[in-house]
Amino acid sequence: MTSNDDYVLQLLQEQGMVSQEQIDAASANLAVDGSTVIDQLLADGALSEENLLSMLAAQFGMDFVNIDAKALDTDLASVITVADARKYGVVPLLMDGDTLTVAVKDPLDYDVVDRLRFILKCNVVCVIASRADIAKALETLYPGGTTIGSLLGELNDKNVDISSRGSEIEDQLGVSDASDSDAPVIKLVSLIIMEAFKRRASDIHLEPLENRFRIRYRIDGALQDMDPPPKRLQPAIIQRVKIQAGMKISEKRIPQDGRIQVNVKGRDLDLRVSSVPTNHGESIVMRILDKQNLALGLPELGFLSDDQQKFEQLLGLSDGVLLVTGPTGSGKTTTLYACLGQMNTPNRKIITVEDPVEYQMTGVNQVQVNRDVGLDFSSALRSILRQAPNIVMIGEIRDSETADIAMEAALTGHLVFSTLHTNDAPSAITRLVDIGVKPYLVASAVRAVMAQRLVRSICKECKEEKIPTERELKMLGELGAKDVAHMKMYHGKGCGICSNTGYKGRKGIFEIFTMSDEIQRMIFEQRPALELRAAAREAGMRSLREDGLLKVASGMTSLEEVLRVTMGDAN
């Protein structure tokens, strides 16, 4: 909601508008979609937007106004461009001499006012208005916004010249260029990116097929089709993406990687672009990296209270190796960045080795792997240890040399974070031994391994209680759920907010495997993963599926989701 949530939360508590219990509940229910604690408080009904904005207005000596869209002076639309108005979320209300009064939704975003003063060359006075009022006012002042559907309808006409004019959307993205920013294809590519952001997509897939050109978004881990553009636009769309990503547009025979930086509605996004040649053209995937997700803390990841406490204790260690495991797309990188964010204090030096560097973190030294010049994980790690870091993060342990250096670094007083691709936590131990790490090094250096998966969260807007079927009750009993007869279950019936999927956002389920004297002895003896798992379970380790069932019981997710992501996992 605001640029300084911690400060606002403090004000709300001081004035008795929310309790610490409500804040904790909102923190626990946060979806991994960029929402803040204040957003969640508003969604839960613990806080009304009107009361919040009235408090902020009084605190900062500003007026809180209700905007009547019908009474707006449409002549003021020429004062601020549509791109700037939508980008900064401001509405021009009154021009008095050289003073412009604008409505804003965030009084703490001081950069907006400074930028407007610089752009408009006049004095800017701010009043506060609700998000809904600002959205309605923007539609009134700047009507006729282009949509993907309307643009595709235009481009499906074979008589339309795809080089005709129209650059409004490109300007909003902040990626326009003077040479070709007026082409509708460019507007279409920009709209595709904006729509992906709007729908909280993690990836955009551009897939050339034999008779059509398919575009899909990955939302909450599931791919969803969007309206396909005409096949004839395939070369132009792919070429546009490659130009933006800094790829060689003439090279279509080999895979390429690139990067696009855009600003969508005031949010800085990095798009990691990959192209692969196929039978019917180049297939392109754009991975959307939202820098705002770096603000995620441990509660937002989905930990239950006991697991969070256990993991925070592990983060307090001064040395050792902490591993995060799971398949591709299970949120390992997000977890590592959340850990680094929590430990990123002035008294610690943190260095990472990544391939690629997905997010830029202030105060963290990040090294990009570059194999073309001989800078791989092992050589980079060997070099950065001479920089005397307190904490080292390795994007992934892929070979024995990297693993050995990581273990030795841990034994010489460094706290090392990294990832492995294994199905469960105990298997990470046997995986390290399999790639050549000495068992005594593994037993001495590794402090804990956490396996994780991502499950879709039930949409809060359409969430409702459901009666478990006999089959579900039977499955719950077989899975070890307690008090099955009285267990409540929920589902999302589907609404416009969740695109009728019943789910919105994702949370993690976890399995934390910690070292004990008994487990260290078993590692020395090179006992198999099943025996390590049995010993850990006896010591109190909760399995991925058990953690998932607890979250089913809490109403966070569904049984179907837990079974989907844990199918084939050991219990």
Protein backbone atom coordinates (compact mmCIF):
# COMPACT_ATOMS: atom_id res chain seq x y z
CA MET A 1 0.00 0.00 0.00
CA THR A 2 2.66 2.48 0.98
CA SER A 3 6.35 3.13 0.55
CA ASN A 4 7.04 2.72 4.27
CA ASP A 5 4.79 0.00 5.65
CA ASP A 6 6.67 -0.45 8.92
CA TYR A 7 6.17 3.20 9.82
CA VAL A 8 2.48 3.10 8.89
CA LEU A 9 1.94 -0.09 10.90
CA GLN A 10 3.51 1.63 13.91
CA LEU A 11 1.14 4.57 13.51
CA LEU A 12 -1.86 2.24 13.19
CA GLN A 13 -0.89 0.43 16.40
CA GLU A 14 -0.27 3.66 18.32
CA GLN A 15 -3.74 4.87 17.38
CA GLY A 16 -5.37 1.55 18.23
CA MET A 17 -6.60 0.93 14.70
CA VAL A 18 -5.03 -2.55 14.44
CA SER A 19 -3.61 -4.98 16.98
CA GLN A 20 -0.36 -6.93 16.88
CA GLU A 21 -2.44 -10.11 16.57
CA GLN A 22 -4.10 -8.76 13.41
CA ILE A 23 -0.71 -7.80 11.97
CA ASP A 24 0.67 -11.28 12.71
CA ALA A 25 -2.36 -12.92 11.11
CA ALA A 26 -2.02 -10.73 8.01
CA SER A 27 1.70 -11.57 7.79
CA ALA A 28 0.95 -15.29 8.01
CA ASN A 29 -1.65 -15.12 5.23
CA LEU A 30 0.38 -13.10 2.76
CA ALA A 31 0.50 -14.51 -0.76
CA VAL A 32 3.77 -14.54 -2.67
CA ASP A 33 2.53 -11.99 -5.17
CA GLY A 34 4.03 -8.68 -4.07
CA SER A 35 1.26 -7.81 -1.57
CA THR A 36 2.20 -6.04 1.66
CA VAL A 37 0.98 -6.52 5.21
CA ILE A 38 -1.24 -3.43 4.86
CA ASP A 39 -2.71 -4.82 1.63
CA GLN A 40 -3.56 -8.00 3.53
CA LEU A 41 -5.09 -6.09 6.47
CA LEU A 42 -7.34 -4.32 3.98
CA ALA A 43 -8.24 -7.61 2.25
CA ASP A 44 -9.03 -9.29 5.59
CA GLY A 45 -11.33 -6.44 6.62
CA ALA A 46 -9.22 -5.69 9.70
CA LEU A 47 -8.69 -2.17 8.37
CA SER A 48 -10.76 0.02 6.06
CA GLU A 49 -9.04 2.03 3.35
CA GLU A 50 -11.03 5.15 4.29
CA ASN A 51 -9.86 4.99 7.92
CA LEU A 52 -6.29 4.34 6.83
CA LEU A 53 -6.18 7.25 4.42
CA SER A 54 -7.95 9.58 6.88
CA MET A 55 -5.31 8.77 9.49
CA LEU A 56 -2.46 9.37 7.05
CA ALA A 57 -4.03 12.63 5.88
CA ALA A 58 -4.29 13.88 9.47
CA GLN A 59 -0.76 12.71 10.23
CA PHE A 60 0.81 14.57 7.31
CA GLY A 61 -1.46 17.62 7.25
CA MET A 62 -3.09 16.68 3.94
CA ASP A 63 -6.68 16.57 2.76
CA PHE A 64 -8.47 13.29 2.19
CA VAL A 65 -10.89 13.70 -0.73
CA ASN A 66 -13.58 11.69 -2.44
CA ILE A 67 -13.21 12.23 -6.19
CA ASP A 68 -16.37 12.73 -8.20
CA ALA A 69 -15.31 11.45 -11.61
CA LYS A 70 -18.21 13.26 -13.29
CA ALA A 71 -17.09 16.62 -11.91
CA LEU A 72 -13.49 16.37 -13.13
CA ASP A 73 -12.09 19.09 -15.37
CA THR A 74 -11.20 17.08 -18.48
CA ASP A 75 -9.05 19.98 -19.74
CA LEU A 76 -6.54 19.04 -17.04
CA ALA A 77 -5.83 15.77 -18.84
CA SER A 78 -3.43 17.73 -21.04
CA VAL A 79 -1.39 18.86 -18.03
CA ILE A 80 -0.11 15.34 -17.24
CA THR A 81 0.43 12.77 -19.98
CA VAL A 82 -1.48 9.50 -19.78
CA ALA A 83 1.81 7.66 -19.39
CA ASP A 84 2.87 9.74 -16.35
CA ALA A 85 -0.62 9.75 -14.80
CA ARG A 86 -0.90 5.96 -14.94
CA LYS A 87 2.74 5.35 -14.09
CA TYR A 88 2.63 7.41 -10.89
CA GLY A 89 -1.05 6.81 -10.07
CA VAL A 90 -1.96 10.51 -9.82
CA VAL A 91 -5.00 12.51 -10.90
CA PRO A 92 -4.83 16.26 -11.70
CA LEU A 93 -7.68 17.99 -9.85
CA LEU A 94 -7.07 21.75 -9.93
CA MET A 95 -4.68 24.19 -11.59
CA ASP A 96 -4.43 27.52 -9.71
CA GLY A 97 -1.79 29.75 -11.29
CA ASP A 98 1.44 27.74 -11.22
CA THR A 99 0.19 25.34 -8.53
CA LEU A 100 -1.25 21.96 -9.52
CA THR A 101 -3.29 19.94 -7.02
CA VAL A 102 -3.11 16.20 -7.62
CA ALA A 103 -4.69 13.23 -5.88
CA VAL A 104 -2.30 10.45 -4.81
CA LYS A 105 -2.87 7.08 -3.16
CA ASP A 106 0.42 6.99 -1.24
CA PRO A 107 1.41 10.15 0.70
CA LEU A 108 4.74 8.59 1.65
CA ASP A 109 5.93 8.19 -1.93
CA TYR A 110 7.85 11.47 -1.98
CA ASP A 111 9.61 10.59 -5.24
CA VAL A 112 6.34 10.95 -7.15
CA VAL A 113 5.94 14.60 -6.13
CA ASP A 114 9.57 15.40 -6.91
CA ARG A 115 9.31 13.77 -10.34
CA LEU A 116 6.09 15.60 -11.17
CA ARG A 117 7.61 18.93 -10.16
CA PHE A 118 10.58 18.22 -12.41
CA ILE A 119 8.44 17.09 -15.35
CA LEU A 120 5.75 19.79 -15.11
CA LYS A 121 7.98 22.68 -13.97
CA CYS A 122 5.38 23.87 -11.46
CA ASN A 123 4.47 23.59 -7.79
CA VAL A 124 2.62 20.38 -6.94
CA VAL A 125 0.27 20.02 -3.96
CA CYS A 126 -0.97 16.56 -3.01
CA VAL A 127 -4.25 15.36 -1.54
CA ILE A 128 -5.09 11.74 -0.70
CA ALA A 129 -7.72 9.63 -2.44
CA SER A 130 -8.63 5.96 -2.51
CA ARG A 131 -7.33 3.57 -5.12
CA ALA A 132 -10.82 3.03 -6.51
CA ASP A 133 -11.46 6.77 -6.89
CA ILE A 134 -8.11 7.29 -8.60
CA ALA A 135 -8.74 4.38 -10.99
CA LYS A 136 -12.18 5.75 -11.95
CA ALA A 137 -10.78 9.24 -12.38
CA LEU A 138 -7.98 8.04 -14.65
CA GLU A 139 -10.49 6.23 -16.84
CA THR A 140 -12.56 9.41 -17.05
CA LEU A 141 -9.63 11.70 -17.89
CA TYR A 142 -7.81 9.25 -20.16
CA PRO A 143 -10.48 7.05 -21.79
CA GLY A 144 -10.05 4.53 -24.59
CA GLY A 145 -7.13 2.54 -23.23
CA THR A 146 -5.86 -0.12 -25.61
CA THR A 147 -6.38 -3.76 -24.66
CA ILE A 148 -4.82 -6.91 -26.08
CA GLY A 149 -8.20 -8.02 -27.38
CA SER A 150 -8.93 -4.75 -29.20
CA LEU A 151 -5.44 -4.59 -30.66
CA LEU A 152 -5.59 -8.21 -31.86
CA GLY A 153 -8.95 -7.49 -33.44
CA GLU A 154 -7.30 -4.68 -35.38
CA LEU A 155 -4.23 -6.71 -36.32
CA ASN A 156 -6.29 -9.71 -37.45
CA ASP A 157 -7.39 -7.55 -40.36
CA LYS A 158 -4.91 -8.53 -43.06
CA ASN A 159 -5.23 -5.11 -44.62
CA VAL A 160 -3.82 -3.36 -41.55
CA ASP A 161 -0.27 -2.11 -41.95
CA ILE A 162 1.66 -3.44 -38.95
CA SER A 163 3.99 -0.47 -39.09
CA SER A 164 1.21 2.12 -38.50
CA ARG A 165 1.31 4.48 -35.57
CA GLY A 166 0.53 4.09 -31.82
CA SER A 167 3.09 4.21 -28.96
CA GLU A 168 1.05 4.95 -25.81
CA ILE A 169 1.60 1.54 -24.22
CA GLU A 170 5.30 1.56 -25.03
CA ASP A 171 5.65 4.87 -23.23
CA GLN A 172 3.96 3.42 -20.15
CA LEU A 173 6.51 0.63 -20.08
CA GLY A 174 9.39 3.03 -20.33
CA VAL A 175 11.06 1.08 -23.15
CA SER A 176 10.18 3.14 -26.20
CA ASP A 177 12.79 3.95 -28.81
CA ALA A 178 12.73 6.60 -31.46
CA SER A 179 13.26 4.30 -34.41
CA ASP A 180 10.23 2.04 -34.23
CA SER A 181 8.21 2.78 -31.14
CA ASP A 182 5.09 3.55 -33.22
CA ALA A 183 4.47 0.07 -34.63
CA PRO A 184 1.36 -1.80 -33.42
CA VAL A 185 3.46 -4.96 -33.02
CA ILE A 186 5.55 -3.06 -30.51
CA LYS A 187 2.40 -1.95 -28.74
CA LEU A 188 1.22 -5.59 -28.73
CA VAL A 189 4.47 -6.86 -27.18
CA SER A 190 4.24 -4.13 -24.53
CA LEU A 191 0.61 -5.04 -23.79
CA ILE A 192 1.55 -8.71 -23.45
CA ILE A 193 4.11 -7.76 -20.78
CA MET A 194 1.69 -5.42 -19.00
CA GLU A 195 -1.06 -8.04 -18.98
CA ALA A 196 1.36 -10.65 -17.62
CA PHE A 197 2.25 -8.31 -14.78
CA LYS A 198 -1.42 -7.57 -14.12
CA ARG A 199 -2.20 -11.29 -13.87
CA ARG A 200 0.81 -11.97 -11.60
CA ALA A 201 2.43 -14.26 -14.20
CA SER A 202 5.92 -15.59 -13.54
CA ASP A 203 6.66 -16.47 -17.18
CA ILE A 204 5.54 -15.52 -20.68
CA HIS A 205 5.76 -18.28 -23.30
CA LEU A 206 5.83 -17.40 -27.01
CA GLU A 207 5.46 -20.71 -28.85
CA PRO A 208 5.46 -21.08 -32.65
CA LEU A 209 3.32 -24.04 -33.74
CA GLU A 210 2.63 -25.36 -37.20
CA ASN A 211 -0.56 -23.41 -37.91
CA ARG A 212 -0.70 -20.85 -35.10
CA PHE A 213 1.38 -18.75 -32.75
CA ARG A 214 0.55 -19.55 -29.13
CA ILE A 215 1.10 -17.21 -26.18
CA ARG A 216 0.75 -18.51 -22.63
CA TYR A 217 1.24 -17.13 -19.13
CA ARG A 218 2.41 -19.21 -16.18
CA ILE A 219 0.27 -18.07 -13.26
CA ASP A 220 0.71 -19.67 -9.84
CA GLY A 221 2.65 -22.48 -11.52
CA ALA A 222 -0.03 -23.33 -14.12
CA LEU A 223 0.07 -22.31 -17.81
CA GLN A 224 -2.91 -20.36 -19.16
CA ASP A 225 -3.59 -19.52 -22.82
CA MET A 226 -4.24 -15.97 -23.94
CA ASP A 227 -5.81 -14.80 -27.18
CA PRO A 228 -3.40 -15.83 -29.95
CA PRO A 229 -2.14 -13.23 -32.42
CA PRO A 230 -2.29 -14.00 -36.14
CA LYS A 231 0.40 -16.39 -37.34
CA ARG A 232 1.71 -13.77 -39.78
CA LEU A 233 2.83 -11.59 -36.84
CA GLN A 234 5.07 -14.32 -35.41
CA PRO A 235 8.35 -13.08 -37.01
CA ALA A 236 7.66 -9.45 -36.07
CA ILE A 237 6.80 -10.28 -32.43
CA ILE A 238 9.84 -12.52 -31.96
CA GLN A 239 12.10 -9.96 -33.60
CA ARG A 240 10.78 -7.21 -31.31
CA VAL A 241 11.43 -9.27 -28.18
CA LYS A 242 14.95 -10.15 -29.38
CA ILE A 243 15.74 -6.47 -30.06
CA GLN A 244 14.60 -5.47 -26.57
CA ALA A 245 16.58 -8.33 -25.01
CA GLY A 246 19.79 -7.43 -26.82
CA MET A 247 19.88 -10.67 -28.84
CA LYS A 248 21.20 -11.11 -32.37
CA ILE A 249 18.10 -10.91 -34.55
CA SER A 250 19.90 -12.46 -37.55
CA GLU A 251 20.88 -15.57 -35.54
CA LYS A 252 18.03 -18.10 -35.52
CA ARG A 253 19.97 -21.39 -35.44
CA ILE A 254 21.28 -21.44 -31.87
CA PRO A 255 19.78 -20.70 -28.42
CA GLN A 256 20.27 -17.19 -27.05
CA ASP A 257 19.81 -15.48 -23.71
CA GLY A 258 19.02 -11.85 -23.02
CA ARG A 259 17.45 -9.42 -20.58
CA ILE A 260 14.78 -6.71 -20.72
CA GLN A 261 14.31 -4.02 -18.07
CA VAL A 262 10.94 -2.29 -17.98
CA ASN A 263 8.89 -0.17 -15.60
CA VAL A 264 5.22 -1.16 -15.37
CA LYS A 265 2.97 1.09 -13.31
CA GLY A 266 5.89 2.28 -11.21
CA ARG A 267 7.28 -1.23 -10.64
CA ASP A 268 10.76 -2.11 -11.95
CA LEU A 269 10.71 -5.50 -13.67
CA ASP A 270 13.56 -7.58 -15.07
CA LEU A 271 12.63 -10.01 -17.82
CA ARG A 272 15.10 -12.85 -18.33
CA VAL A 273 14.68 -13.95 -21.95
CA SER A 274 15.58 -17.30 -23.48
CA SER A 275 15.18 -18.31 -27.13
CA VAL A 276 15.41 -21.83 -28.57
CA PRO A 277 15.09 -22.75 -32.29
CA THR A 278 12.22 -25.18 -33.04
CA ASN A 279 10.73 -26.73 -36.19
CA HIS A 280 8.31 -23.83 -36.69
CA GLY A 281 10.39 -20.89 -35.50
CA GLU A 282 12.06 -19.62 -32.35
CA SER A 283 10.36 -20.39 -29.04
CA ILE A 284 10.83 -17.62 -26.48
CA VAL A 285 10.30 -17.67 -22.72
CA MET A 286 10.40 -14.48 -20.68
CA ARG A 287 10.87 -14.99 -16.93
CA ILE A 288 9.44 -12.03 -15.01
CA LEU A 289 11.52 -10.97 -12.02
CA ASP A 290 9.67 -8.44 -9.87
CA LYS A 291 12.12 -6.56 -7.66
CA GLN A 292 9.36 -5.84 -5.16
CA ASN A 293 9.34 -9.54 -4.24
CA LEU A 294 12.71 -8.98 -2.60
CA ALA A 295 10.77 -7.45 0.29
CA LEU A 296 9.46 -10.90 1.16
CA GLY A 297 10.33 -12.06 4.64
CA LEU A 298 10.15 -15.51 6.16
CA PRO A 299 6.47 -15.20 7.26
CA GLU A 300 5.44 -14.45 3.69
CA LEU A 301 7.01 -17.69 2.46
CA GLY A 302 4.39 -19.75 4.28
CA PHE A 303 6.21 -21.18 7.30
CA LEU A 304 4.20 -22.50 10.20
CA SER A 305 5.27 -20.90 13.46
CA ASP A 306 7.42 -23.81 14.71
CA ASP A 307 9.21 -24.23 11.38
CA GLN A 308 9.80 -20.50 11.14
CA GLN A 309 11.32 -20.46 14.62
CA LYS A 310 13.53 -23.43 13.74
CA PHE A 311 14.66 -21.82 10.47
CA GLU A 312 15.39 -18.46 12.13
CA GLN A 313 17.62 -20.28 14.62
CA LEU A 314 19.51 -21.79 11.70
CA LEU A 315 19.97 -18.33 10.17
CA GLY A 316 21.61 -17.26 13.43
CA LEU A 317 24.48 -19.73 12.97
CA SER A 318 27.95 -18.32 12.34
CA ASP A 319 29.13 -21.13 10.07
CA GLY A 320 28.02 -24.26 8.28
CA VAL A 321 26.13 -25.14 5.10
CA LEU A 322 22.37 -24.61 4.77
CA LEU A 323 20.84 -26.24 1.69
CA VAL A 324 17.47 -25.63 0.03
CA THR A 325 16.29 -28.44 -2.25
CA GLY A 326 13.42 -29.03 -4.60
CA PRO A 327 12.60 -29.31 -8.30
CA THR A 328 12.77 -26.39 -10.72
CA GLY A 329 10.09 -23.81 -9.94
CA SER A 330 9.70 -24.75 -6.28
CA GLY A 331 10.72 -21.31 -4.97
CA LYS A 332 14.29 -22.12 -3.87
CA THR A 333 15.73 -18.84 -5.16
CA THR A 334 12.97 -16.80 -3.50
CA THR A 335 13.72 -18.51 -0.20
CA LEU A 336 17.45 -17.81 -0.50
CA TYR A 337 16.84 -14.13 -1.25
CA ALA A 338 14.45 -13.90 1.71
CA CYS A 339 17.20 -15.33 3.93
CA LEU A 340 19.78 -12.89 2.60
CA GLY A 341 17.35 -10.01 3.03
CA GLN A 342 16.88 -10.89 6.70
CA MET A 343 20.62 -11.21 7.32
CA ASN A 344 21.70 -8.20 5.23
CA THR A 345 22.92 -5.93 8.02
CA PRO A 346 25.80 -3.41 8.03
CA ASN A 347 27.96 -5.65 10.24
CA ARG A 348 27.93 -8.57 7.77
CA LYS A 349 29.59 -8.97 4.38
CA ILE A 350 27.53 -11.07 1.98
CA ILE A 351 28.79 -12.32 -1.40
CA THR A 352 26.76 -14.40 -3.86
CA VAL A 353 27.74 -16.43 -6.91
CA GLU A 354 24.78 -16.80 -9.28
CA ASP A 355 23.97 -17.94 -12.78
CA PRO A 356 22.33 -15.63 -13.57
CA VAL A 357 21.97 -12.85 -10.99
CA GLU A 358 18.18 -12.72 -10.79
CA TYR A 359 17.68 -9.77 -8.43
CA GLN A 360 19.92 -6.84 -7.59
CA MET A 361 20.21 -6.59 -3.79
CA THR A 362 21.45 -3.39 -2.17
CA GLY A 363 24.38 -4.03 0.17
CA VAL A 364 25.15 -7.49 -1.27
CA ASN A 365 28.14 -8.26 -3.51
CA GLN A 366 26.77 -10.36 -6.38
CA VAL A 367 29.01 -12.23 -8.83
CA GLN A 368 27.68 -13.31 -12.22
CA VAL A 369 29.01 -16.63 -13.52
CA ASN A 370 30.62 -16.24 -16.95
CA ARG A 371 31.88 -19.55 -18.32
CA ASP A 372 33.08 -17.91 -21.56
CA VAL A 373 35.95 -16.35 -19.62
CA GLY A 374 36.44 -19.28 -17.24
CA LEU A 375 34.44 -17.85 -14.34
CA ASP A 376 32.37 -20.81 -13.17
CA PHE A 377 30.95 -21.56 -9.72
CA SER A 378 34.08 -23.21 -8.37
CA SER A 379 36.57 -20.58 -9.58
CA ALA A 380 34.33 -17.72 -8.47
CA LEU A 381 33.83 -19.31 -5.06
CA ARG A 382 37.55 -19.86 -4.62
CA SER A 383 38.17 -16.17 -5.35
CA ILE A 384 35.44 -14.66 -3.21
CA LEU A 385 36.63 -16.53 -0.13
CA ARG A 386 39.69 -14.25 -0.26
CA GLN A 387 37.26 -11.32 0.18
CA ALA A 388 36.63 -12.40 3.81
CA PRO A 389 32.83 -12.66 3.62
CA ASN A 390 30.65 -13.63 6.57
CA ILE A 391 27.95 -15.19 4.40
CA VAL A 392 28.26 -16.83 0.98
CA MET A 393 25.38 -17.79 -1.28
CA ILE A 394 26.01 -20.20 -4.16
CA GLY A 395 23.23 -20.35 -6.71
CA GLU A 396 23.51 -24.11 -7.12
CA ILE A 397 25.97 -26.88 -6.23
CA ARG A 398 26.50 -28.68 -9.54
CA ASP A 399 29.79 -30.52 -9.23
CA SER A 400 32.18 -32.03 -6.68
CA GLU A 401 34.67 -29.15 -6.88
CA THR A 402 32.05 -26.54 -5.99
CA ALA A 403 30.69 -28.79 -3.24
CA ASP A 404 34.15 -29.38 -1.73
CA ILE A 405 34.95 -25.67 -1.64
CA ALA A 406 31.56 -24.93 -0.06
CA MET A 407 32.17 -27.52 2.66
CA GLU A 408 35.66 -26.22 3.37
CA ALA A 409 34.36 -22.64 3.50
CA ALA A 410 31.77 -23.71 6.07
CA LEU A 411 34.44 -25.38 8.19
CA THR A 412 36.59 -22.23 8.12
CA GLY A 413 33.98 -19.96 9.65
CA HIS A 414 31.62 -19.03 6.79
CA LEU A 415 27.85 -19.48 6.62
CA VAL A 416 27.12 -20.94 3.19
CA PHE A 417 23.71 -21.09 1.46
CA SER A 418 23.05 -23.07 -1.69
CA THR A 419 20.54 -25.23 -3.56
CA LEU A 420 20.37 -28.79 -4.82
CA HIS A 421 17.91 -30.61 -7.05
CA THR A 422 16.60 -33.47 -4.89
CA ASN A 423 13.08 -34.62 -4.11
CA ASP A 424 13.39 -34.51 -0.33
CA ALA A 425 15.74 -33.16 2.32
CA PRO A 426 17.61 -36.35 3.41
CA SER A 427 18.38 -37.21 -0.22
CA ALA A 428 20.56 -34.08 -0.39
CA ILE A 429 23.06 -35.81 1.89
CA THR A 430 23.41 -38.88 -0.31
CA ARG A 431 23.48 -36.62 -3.38
CA LEU A 432 26.53 -34.78 -2.03
CA VAL A 433 28.30 -38.06 -1.32
CA ASP A 434 27.39 -39.35 -4.79
CA ILE A 435 29.02 -36.39 -6.55
CA GLY A 436 32.25 -37.01 -4.65
CA VAL A 437 32.16 -35.09 -1.35
CA LYS A 438 33.75 -37.03 1.50
CA PRO A 439 31.18 -38.25 4.03
CA TYR A 440 33.12 -36.73 6.94
CA LEU A 441 32.98 -33.31 5.22
CA VAL A 442 29.22 -33.58 4.70
CA ALA A 443 28.62 -34.64 8.31
CA SER A 444 30.83 -31.89 9.71
CA ALA A 445 29.80 -28.98 7.47
CA VAL A 446 26.08 -29.37 6.70
CA ARG A 447 23.88 -27.92 9.43
CA ALA A 448 20.46 -28.43 7.83
CA VAL A 449 18.65 -29.17 4.58
CA MET A 450 15.22 -27.78 3.75
CA ALA A 451 13.09 -29.27 0.98
CA GLN A 452 10.21 -27.20 -0.32
CA ARG A 453 7.36 -27.07 -2.82
CA LEU A 454 4.92 -24.35 -3.82
CA VAL A 455 1.17 -24.89 -3.49
CA ARG A 456 -1.49 -22.53 -4.77
CA SER A 457 -3.34 -20.56 -2.10
CA ILE A 458 -7.14 -20.55 -2.07
CA CYS A 459 -8.48 -17.22 -3.30
CA LYS A 460 -9.66 -15.19 -0.29
CA GLU A 461 -12.36 -13.46 -2.33
CA CYS A 462 -14.25 -16.63 -3.20
CA LYS A 463 -13.08 -18.95 -0.42
CA GLU A 464 -15.80 -21.07 1.16
CA GLU A 465 -16.02 -24.11 3.38
CA LYS A 466 -16.68 -27.44 1.71
CA ILE A 467 -17.80 -30.82 2.97
CA PRO A 468 -15.06 -33.42 2.44
CA THR A 469 -16.04 -36.36 0.28
CA GLU A 470 -15.68 -39.91 1.54
CA ARG A 471 -12.72 -40.34 -0.79
CA GLU A 472 -11.02 -37.25 0.63
CA LEU A 473 -11.66 -38.39 4.21
CA LYS A 474 -10.19 -41.78 3.39
CA MET A 475 -7.13 -40.20 1.78
CA LEU A 476 -6.63 -37.90 4.74
CA GLY A 477 -6.76 -40.88 7.08
CA GLU A 478 -4.28 -42.81 4.95
CA LEU A 479 -1.97 -39.79 4.91
CA GLY A 480 -1.93 -39.63 8.70
CA ALA A 481 -4.15 -36.58 9.27
CA LYS A 482 -5.50 -36.40 12.82
CA ASP A 483 -9.14 -35.93 13.83
CA VAL A 484 -10.31 -36.38 10.24
CA ALA A 485 -14.02 -36.38 11.10
CA HIS A 486 -13.90 -32.82 12.45
CA MET A 487 -11.40 -31.46 9.94
CA LYS A 488 -12.63 -28.42 7.99
CA MET A 489 -11.78 -28.06 4.34
CA TYR A 490 -12.08 -25.10 1.99
CA HIS A 491 -12.03 -24.35 -1.69
CA GLY A 492 -12.31 -21.39 -4.02
CA LYS A 493 -15.49 -21.41 -6.06
CA GLY A 494 -13.90 -19.09 -8.66
CA CYS A 495 -14.31 -15.37 -9.25
CA GLY A 496 -13.01 -12.53 -11.37
CA ILE A 497 -10.16 -11.83 -8.97
CA CYS A 498 -8.64 -15.31 -9.44
CA SER A 499 -9.66 -15.71 -13.12
CA ASN A 500 -12.18 -18.36 -11.97
CA THR A 501 -9.40 -20.73 -10.90
CA GLY A 502 -10.22 -20.64 -7.18
CA TYR A 503 -6.57 -19.89 -6.39
CA LYS A 504 -4.55 -16.70 -6.01
CA GLY A 505 -0.89 -16.64 -5.06
CA ARG A 506 1.34 -19.44 -3.80
CA LYS A 507 2.83 -20.47 -0.47
CA GLY A 508 5.51 -22.97 0.43
CA ILE A 509 5.32 -26.31 2.18
CA PHE A 510 8.53 -27.37 3.87
CA GLU A 511 10.55 -30.26 5.27
CA ILE A 512 13.44 -29.26 7.54
CA PHE A 513 16.16 -31.88 8.10
CA THR A 514 18.60 -30.92 10.86
CA MET A 515 21.77 -32.62 12.01
CA SER A 516 22.05 -34.63 15.20
CA ASP A 517 24.82 -36.80 16.59
CA GLU A 518 22.95 -39.91 15.44
CA ILE A 519 22.46 -38.61 11.89
CA GLN A 520 26.11 -37.52 11.69
CA ARG A 521 27.16 -41.03 12.67
CA MET A 522 24.88 -42.48 9.96
CA ILE A 523 26.42 -40.16 7.36
CA PHE A 524 29.90 -41.32 8.36
CA GLU A 525 28.70 -44.87 7.78
CA GLN A 526 27.17 -43.85 4.40
CA ARG A 527 23.72 -45.11 5.31
CA PRO A 528 21.05 -44.74 2.59
CA ALA A 529 18.64 -41.81 2.41
CA LEU A 530 15.68 -43.91 3.60
CA GLU A 531 17.46 -44.67 6.87
CA LEU A 532 18.47 -41.04 7.30
CA ARG A 533 14.85 -40.08 6.71
CA ALA A 534 13.58 -42.59 9.27
CA ALA A 535 16.01 -41.26 11.88
CA ALA A 536 14.97 -37.66 11.16
CA ARG A 537 11.27 -38.54 11.36
CA GLU A 538 11.87 -40.22 14.71
CA ALA A 539 13.59 -37.04 15.86
CA GLY A 540 10.51 -34.98 14.94
CA MET A 541 10.98 -33.93 11.31
CA ARG A 542 7.69 -33.10 9.60
CA SER A 543 7.41 -34.32 6.01
CA LEU A 544 6.39 -32.17 3.05
CA ARG A 545 3.03 -33.89 2.90
CA GLU A 546 2.39 -33.50 6.63
CA ASP A 547 3.21 -29.80 6.41
CA GLY A 548 0.84 -29.56 3.48
CA LEU A 549 -1.96 -31.29 5.39
CA LEU A 550 -1.60 -28.81 8.23
CA LYS A 551 -2.03 -26.02 5.71
CA VAL A 552 -5.08 -27.75 4.27
CA ALA A 553 -6.54 -27.83 7.78
CA SER A 554 -5.77 -24.12 8.22
CA GLY A 555 -7.67 -23.29 5.02
CA MET A 556 -4.62 -21.98 3.19
CA THR A 557 -4.69 -24.52 0.35
CA SER A 558 -6.56 -27.56 -0.88
CA LEU A 559 -5.93 -31.29 -0.54
CA GLU A 560 -5.68 -31.56 -4.34
CA GLU A 561 -2.83 -29.05 -4.37
CA VAL A 562 -0.85 -30.85 -1.66
CA LEU A 563 -1.26 -34.21 -3.38
CA ARG A 564 -0.30 -32.68 -6.74
CA VAL A 565 3.06 -31.32 -5.57
CA THR A 566 3.96 -34.20 -3.24
CA MET A 567 3.00 -37.08 -5.53
CA GLY A 568 5.79 -39.64 -5.38
CA ASP A 569 7.47 -38.04 -2.35
CA ALA A 570 8.27 -40.11 0.72
CA ASN A 571 6.00 -39.54 3.69
